[in-house]
Amino acid sequence: MHIGSLKPIPPYDFDRMLDGLGRFQAVTDIARGGEYWRALWIGDQIALVQVCSHGTVDAPLLDVHLAAVTGPVNRDAILARLRHILSTDEDLNLFYALASNDAVLWETVQPLRGLRMIRAESVFEGLMTTVIEQQIALTAAVRAERWLVEWAGNRITHGGETYYAFPTPSQIGAAQMADLIPLKITFRRMQLLIDLAQQAASGQFDPEALRNLHPCEAYDRLVNLRGIGNWTAAWTLSRGLSGHYAVGYNDVALQAAVNRYFYGQTGRATAEVVSQTFGRYGAYAGLAAYYTLMRWVFDRYEPVAASLSTTGPSEPPPE
């Protein structure tokens, strides 16, 4: 059922975004046959949406279809949620203008013109997945995230396929440590997931309220939480909010990408060099870092079948 259309701010490269998803294994965001699929929470119901493109990079148009639903939902709420997830209202033209005046940065960014991040549905989802990925390889993190969504069981079926919405704070908060052992992460991080989810479920800490704060204040709120450092805060904000506000300067993949694209070297740049490199771009530092990391992804990783992930191929350091 067609429920509406989205007109992203150009340039907007939907095919490139799906190609980016194709570099990873599947969790909740599905790229299949040139279409985007996602099971969304709309109130207390799950809606399965299908998004396809009928536009171009410079005249983008996305059609949204409701493929299945568990109960009554508001169509406008679905479209609003997709505008956030698919970054359709993000205007990057000033960033591109800045980048085009920096030869090294533009050489990195220009091939990805129109790329947007496919964001987490909620700040809570962004926080939970980023905590899982602390100090763990991407492949192990994807397995853990897949186990978590299947464990919670928020499913909807369509065409013989099962799609999962992300667990709620109440579900993760009610878990015992023994329940989460199949995640194969440290006990400290299992407990951190439970503690943060309990705080979110009780209202003691409201991840979604970070949207109403200045980005610097939202970052400070996160790093003041036990177990949350720069890398986790930076990725949580990028995944969960409408913009790129911080640089995960101790991200090992980003360090390698900076060394390659900015300095023509192998190995990793230091965290200090990464911070200095992007610091010169001011408010666009986070975007410059995101594009640099994604250029690394496209250059190094081949697509895999029916992929669905919003994460980058980082191997995060200890926090």
Protein backbone atom coordinates (compact mmCIF):
# COMPACT_ATOMS: atom_id res chain seq x y z
CA MET A 1 0.00 0.00 0.00
CA HIS A 2 1.47 3.33 -1.10
CA ILE A 3 1.28 5.78 1.82
CA GLY A 4 3.25 8.74 0.56
CA SER A 5 6.42 10.10 -0.96
CA LEU A 6 9.53 11.78 0.38
CA LYS A 7 11.49 14.47 -1.44
CA PRO A 8 15.01 14.54 0.01
CA ILE A 9 17.15 17.65 -0.19
CA PRO A 10 19.47 17.11 -3.17
CA PRO A 11 21.99 15.82 -3.86
CA TYR A 12 20.74 12.51 -2.46
CA ASP A 13 22.11 9.20 -3.70
CA PHE A 14 19.68 6.49 -2.57
CA ASP A 15 21.41 3.79 -4.61
CA ARG A 16 24.75 4.64 -3.02
CA MET A 17 23.15 4.43 0.40
CA LEU A 18 21.82 0.96 -0.34
CA ASP A 19 25.22 0.02 -1.72
CA GLY A 20 26.68 1.14 1.58
CA LEU A 21 24.31 -1.16 3.44
CA GLY A 22 25.45 -3.90 1.11
CA ARG A 23 28.95 -3.72 2.60
CA PHE A 24 27.66 -5.14 5.88
CA GLN A 25 25.67 -8.04 7.25
CA ALA A 26 21.97 -7.72 8.05
CA VAL A 27 20.36 -6.65 11.32
CA THR A 28 17.38 -4.27 11.02
CA ASP A 29 17.93 -2.13 7.90
CA ILE A 30 17.51 -4.22 4.76
CA ALA A 31 18.78 -3.36 1.28
CA ARG A 32 17.26 -5.76 -1.22
CA GLY A 33 16.61 -5.46 -4.94
CA GLY A 34 17.17 -1.71 -4.99
CA GLU A 35 14.68 -1.19 -2.14
CA TYR A 36 14.97 -0.35 1.54
CA TRP A 37 12.98 -2.34 4.11
CA ARG A 38 12.59 -1.66 7.83
CA ALA A 39 10.32 -2.79 10.66
CA LEU A 40 9.46 0.35 12.66
CA TRP A 41 7.87 1.00 16.02
CA ILE A 42 4.89 3.31 15.49
CA GLY A 43 3.42 3.70 18.95
CA ASP A 44 3.05 0.16 20.26
CA GLN A 45 2.60 -1.33 16.78
CA ILE A 46 5.18 -2.56 14.27
CA ALA A 47 4.97 -1.32 10.69
CA LEU A 48 7.01 -2.89 7.89
CA VAL A 49 7.89 -0.28 5.29
CA GLN A 50 9.30 -0.58 1.80
CA VAL A 51 11.02 2.43 0.21
CA CYS A 52 12.02 2.69 -3.43
CA SER A 53 13.49 5.50 -5.50
CA HIS A 54 11.92 7.03 -8.60
CA GLY A 55 14.17 10.05 -8.74
CA THR A 56 17.79 10.95 -9.45
CA VAL A 57 20.66 12.17 -7.31
CA ASP A 58 19.84 15.80 -8.12
CA ALA A 59 16.05 15.37 -8.24
CA PRO A 60 15.39 12.69 -5.62
CA LEU A 61 11.98 11.16 -4.96
CA LEU A 62 11.26 8.21 -2.66
CA ASP A 63 8.01 6.27 -2.63
CA VAL A 64 6.96 4.69 0.66
CA HIS A 65 4.81 1.57 0.88
CA LEU A 66 3.33 -0.04 3.97
CA ALA A 67 3.93 -3.75 3.42
CA ALA A 68 2.54 -5.11 6.71
CA VAL A 69 1.43 -3.86 10.11
CA THR A 70 0.51 -5.40 13.46
CA GLY A 71 -2.29 -2.89 14.18
CA PRO A 72 -3.55 0.62 13.45
CA VAL A 73 -0.77 3.15 12.76
CA ASN A 74 -0.50 6.78 11.77
CA ARG A 75 0.82 7.21 8.24
CA ASP A 76 2.24 10.66 8.95
CA ALA A 77 4.19 9.20 11.86
CA ILE A 78 5.70 6.59 9.54
CA LEU A 79 6.78 9.23 7.02
CA ALA A 80 8.25 11.42 9.78
CA ARG A 81 10.22 8.48 11.15
CA LEU A 82 11.57 7.65 7.69
CA ARG A 83 12.62 11.26 7.09
CA HIS A 84 14.81 10.89 10.16
CA ILE A 85 16.17 7.39 9.40
CA LEU A 86 16.90 8.15 5.74
CA SER A 87 18.28 11.65 6.46
CA THR A 88 16.07 13.19 3.78
CA ASP A 89 15.99 16.66 5.41
CA GLU A 90 19.76 16.93 5.89
CA ASP A 91 21.18 19.69 3.68
CA LEU A 92 24.84 18.99 2.94
CA ASN A 93 25.39 21.66 0.28
CA LEU A 94 27.36 23.97 2.58
CA PHE A 95 29.54 21.04 3.58
CA TYR A 96 30.15 20.14 -0.06
CA ALA A 97 31.06 23.77 -0.77
CA LEU A 98 33.56 23.68 2.10
CA ALA A 99 34.99 20.36 0.97
CA SER A 100 35.33 21.47 -2.65
CA ASN A 101 37.74 24.20 -1.51
CA ASP A 102 39.98 21.66 0.24
CA ALA A 103 41.74 19.50 -2.36
CA VAL A 104 42.49 16.57 -0.06
CA LEU A 105 39.06 16.47 1.55
CA TRP A 106 37.24 16.88 -1.77
CA GLU A 107 39.17 14.03 -3.35
CA THR A 108 37.84 11.86 -0.51
CA VAL A 109 34.29 13.23 -0.45
CA GLN A 110 33.47 13.88 -4.11
CA PRO A 111 32.98 10.20 -5.14
CA LEU A 112 30.39 9.88 -2.34
CA ARG A 113 28.44 13.05 -3.14
CA GLY A 114 24.81 12.51 -2.14
CA LEU A 115 25.54 9.80 0.42
CA ARG A 116 23.57 10.00 3.67
CA MET A 117 23.81 7.98 6.84
CA ILE A 118 20.93 5.59 7.44
CA ARG A 119 20.27 6.38 11.07
CA ALA A 120 19.02 4.33 13.98
CA GLU A 121 15.29 4.55 14.54
CA SER A 122 15.85 5.97 18.02
CA VAL A 123 18.66 7.35 20.16
CA PHE A 124 18.12 4.33 22.41
CA GLU A 125 18.79 1.95 19.53
CA GLY A 126 21.89 3.91 18.56
CA LEU A 127 23.17 3.77 22.12
CA MET A 128 22.53 0.06 22.60
CA THR A 129 24.18 -1.01 19.35
CA THR A 130 27.18 1.22 19.96
CA VAL A 131 27.68 -0.18 23.46
CA ILE A 132 27.59 -3.71 22.02
CA GLU A 133 30.29 -2.72 19.54
CA GLN A 134 32.74 -1.44 22.16
CA GLN A 135 36.02 -3.38 21.96
CA ILE A 136 34.71 -5.97 19.52
CA ALA A 137 35.15 -6.74 15.82
CA LEU A 138 32.29 -5.79 13.52
CA THR A 139 31.43 -9.36 12.55
CA ALA A 140 31.07 -10.35 16.20
CA ALA A 141 29.04 -7.21 16.91
CA VAL A 142 26.63 -7.96 14.06
CA ARG A 143 26.10 -11.48 15.37
CA ALA A 144 25.39 -10.06 18.82
CA GLU A 145 22.95 -7.47 17.51
CA ARG A 146 21.15 -10.07 15.43
CA TRP A 147 20.83 -12.34 18.45
CA LEU A 148 19.46 -9.45 20.54
CA VAL A 149 16.69 -8.50 18.11
CA GLU A 150 15.68 -12.12 17.63
CA TRP A 151 15.76 -12.71 21.40
CA ALA A 152 13.38 -9.79 21.98
CA GLY A 153 11.03 -11.22 19.34
CA ASN A 154 9.46 -8.00 18.02
CA ARG A 155 8.73 -9.54 14.65
CA ILE A 156 6.53 -9.05 11.64
CA THR A 157 6.31 -11.30 8.59
CA HIS A 158 5.76 -10.54 4.92
CA GLY A 159 6.31 -12.60 1.79
CA GLY A 160 7.71 -15.49 3.77
CA GLU A 161 10.36 -13.28 5.41
CA THR A 162 10.63 -12.25 9.06
CA TYR A 163 11.62 -8.70 9.97
CA TYR A 164 12.53 -7.47 13.44
CA ALA A 165 12.01 -4.17 15.21
CA PHE A 166 14.63 -3.22 17.78
CA PRO A 167 14.07 -4.27 21.42
CA THR A 168 12.39 -1.77 23.75
CA PRO A 169 14.05 -0.35 26.89
CA SER A 170 11.66 -2.42 29.01
CA GLN A 171 12.68 -5.65 27.29
CA ILE A 172 16.42 -5.14 27.71
CA GLY A 173 15.97 -3.64 31.18
CA ALA A 174 14.11 -6.73 32.35
CA ALA A 175 16.92 -9.05 31.26
CA GLN A 176 19.21 -10.84 33.67
CA MET A 177 22.92 -11.14 33.03
CA ALA A 178 22.48 -14.85 32.28
CA ASP A 179 19.92 -13.98 29.58
CA LEU A 180 22.49 -11.97 27.63
CA ILE A 181 25.38 -14.43 27.69
CA PRO A 182 24.72 -15.39 24.01
CA LEU A 183 25.74 -11.83 23.06
CA LYS A 184 29.34 -12.94 23.74
CA ILE A 185 30.36 -9.56 25.04
CA THR A 186 31.92 -8.77 28.40
CA PHE A 187 29.86 -8.99 31.57
CA ARG A 188 30.59 -5.33 32.16
CA ARG A 189 28.94 -4.39 28.88
CA MET A 190 26.01 -6.74 29.49
CA GLN A 191 25.41 -4.95 32.77
CA LEU A 192 25.82 -1.57 31.08
CA LEU A 193 23.13 -2.47 28.52
CA ILE A 194 20.76 -3.51 31.31
CA ASP A 195 21.50 -0.46 33.46
CA LEU A 196 21.02 2.02 30.60
CA ALA A 197 17.83 0.28 29.46
CA GLN A 198 16.43 0.35 33.00
CA GLN A 199 17.21 4.06 33.25
CA ALA A 200 15.50 4.67 29.90
CA ALA A 201 12.46 2.57 30.84
CA SER A 202 12.04 4.34 34.18
CA GLY A 203 12.60 7.83 32.79
CA GLN A 204 15.71 8.37 34.90
CA PHE A 205 17.60 8.86 31.63
CA ASP A 206 15.68 9.71 28.47
CA PRO A 207 17.85 9.12 25.38
CA GLU A 208 15.26 10.73 23.10
CA ALA A 209 15.43 13.97 25.12
CA LEU A 210 18.97 14.43 23.81
CA ARG A 211 17.35 15.60 20.57
CA ASN A 212 16.23 18.77 22.36
CA LEU A 213 19.72 19.70 23.59
CA HIS A 214 22.56 21.53 21.94
CA PRO A 215 24.85 18.87 20.43
CA CYS A 216 27.68 19.73 22.81
CA GLU A 217 25.38 19.34 25.80
CA ALA A 218 24.03 16.04 24.44
CA TYR A 219 27.59 14.79 24.07
CA ASP A 220 28.42 15.84 27.64
CA ARG A 221 25.33 14.04 28.96
CA LEU A 222 26.47 10.84 27.30
CA VAL A 223 30.11 10.89 28.37
CA ASN A 224 29.02 11.56 31.94
CA LEU A 225 27.27 8.18 31.97
CA ARG A 226 29.28 5.31 33.40
CA GLY A 227 30.80 3.21 30.63
CA ILE A 228 30.37 5.83 27.88
CA GLY A 229 33.45 7.42 26.34
CA ASN A 230 34.20 9.53 23.28
CA TRP A 231 33.79 6.75 20.70
CA THR A 232 30.43 5.57 22.05
CA ALA A 233 29.08 9.09 22.50
CA ALA A 234 30.18 10.19 19.02
CA TRP A 235 28.63 7.20 17.26
CA THR A 236 25.46 7.33 19.35
CA LEU A 237 24.89 10.95 18.39
CA SER A 238 25.64 10.32 14.70
CA ARG A 239 23.35 7.30 14.55
CA GLY A 240 20.53 8.59 16.71
CA LEU A 241 20.31 12.32 16.02
CA SER A 242 19.91 14.48 12.95
CA GLY A 243 23.52 15.30 12.23
CA HIS A 244 27.19 14.53 12.85
CA TYR A 245 28.36 16.37 15.92
CA ALA A 246 31.44 14.60 17.22
CA VAL A 247 34.41 12.68 15.89
CA GLY A 248 35.27 9.26 17.28
CA TYR A 249 38.94 10.11 17.03
CA ASN A 250 40.05 6.82 18.61
CA ASP A 251 38.23 4.70 16.00
CA VAL A 252 40.90 2.44 14.49
CA ALA A 253 39.28 2.28 11.03
CA LEU A 254 39.00 6.07 10.95
CA GLN A 255 42.63 6.36 12.03
CA ALA A 256 43.67 4.13 9.11
CA ALA A 257 41.46 6.08 6.70
CA VAL A 258 42.93 9.41 7.80
CA ASN A 259 46.45 8.10 7.30
CA ARG A 260 45.60 6.92 3.80
CA TYR A 261 43.49 9.74 2.39
CA PHE A 262 45.01 12.76 4.12
CA TYR A 263 48.66 11.72 4.47
CA GLY A 264 49.17 8.98 1.88
CA GLN A 265 50.50 6.56 4.45
CA THR A 266 49.71 3.04 5.62
CA GLY A 267 48.93 2.12 9.19
CA ARG A 268 46.96 4.28 11.59
CA ALA A 269 47.19 7.92 12.47
CA THR A 270 47.18 8.68 16.17
CA ALA A 271 44.01 9.86 17.88
CA GLU A 272 45.65 13.27 18.26
CA VAL A 273 46.34 13.50 14.53
CA VAL A 274 42.74 12.48 13.73
CA SER A 275 41.43 15.14 16.10
CA GLN A 276 43.69 17.81 14.58
CA THR A 277 42.88 16.75 11.02
CA PHE A 278 39.15 17.17 11.40
CA GLY A 279 39.31 19.98 13.91
CA ARG A 280 40.12 22.43 11.13
CA TYR A 281 36.66 21.84 9.63
CA GLY A 282 34.88 23.24 12.66
CA ALA A 283 31.16 22.43 12.72
CA TYR A 284 31.68 20.08 9.75
CA ALA A 285 34.33 17.95 11.49
CA GLY A 286 31.90 15.09 12.12
CA LEU A 287 30.71 15.07 8.51
CA ALA A 288 34.27 15.12 7.21
CA ALA A 289 35.09 12.18 9.46
CA TYR A 290 31.98 10.26 8.40
CA TYR A 291 32.74 10.66 4.70
CA THR A 292 36.36 9.70 5.25
CA LEU A 293 35.33 6.52 7.04
CA MET A 294 32.73 5.66 4.40
CA ARG A 295 35.27 6.20 1.62
CA TRP A 296 37.39 3.59 3.44
CA VAL A 297 34.37 1.27 3.50
CA PHE A 298 33.65 1.59 -0.21
CA ASP A 299 37.29 1.15 -1.15
CA ARG A 300 37.96 -1.89 1.04
CA TYR A 301 34.75 -3.89 1.50
CA GLU A 302 32.75 -5.82 -1.08
CA PRO A 303 28.93 -5.96 -0.95
CA VAL A 304 27.29 -8.93 0.72
CA ALA A 305 23.83 -10.30 -0.03
CA ALA A 306 20.65 -8.76 1.45
CA SER A 307 22.49 -6.57 3.90
CA LEU A 308 21.07 -4.37 6.64
CA SER A 309 23.25 -2.38 8.99
CA THR A 310 23.84 1.25 9.89
CA THR A 311 27.24 0.67 11.43
CA GLY A 312 30.66 1.39 10.03
CA PRO A 313 33.38 -1.27 9.89
CA SER A 314 35.14 -0.04 13.00
CA GLU A 315 36.99 -2.08 15.56
CA PRO A 316 36.47 0.26 18.52
CA PRO A 317 39.12 0.80 21.15
CA PRO A 318 38.66 0.48 24.90
CA GLU A 319 36.82 3.28 26.62
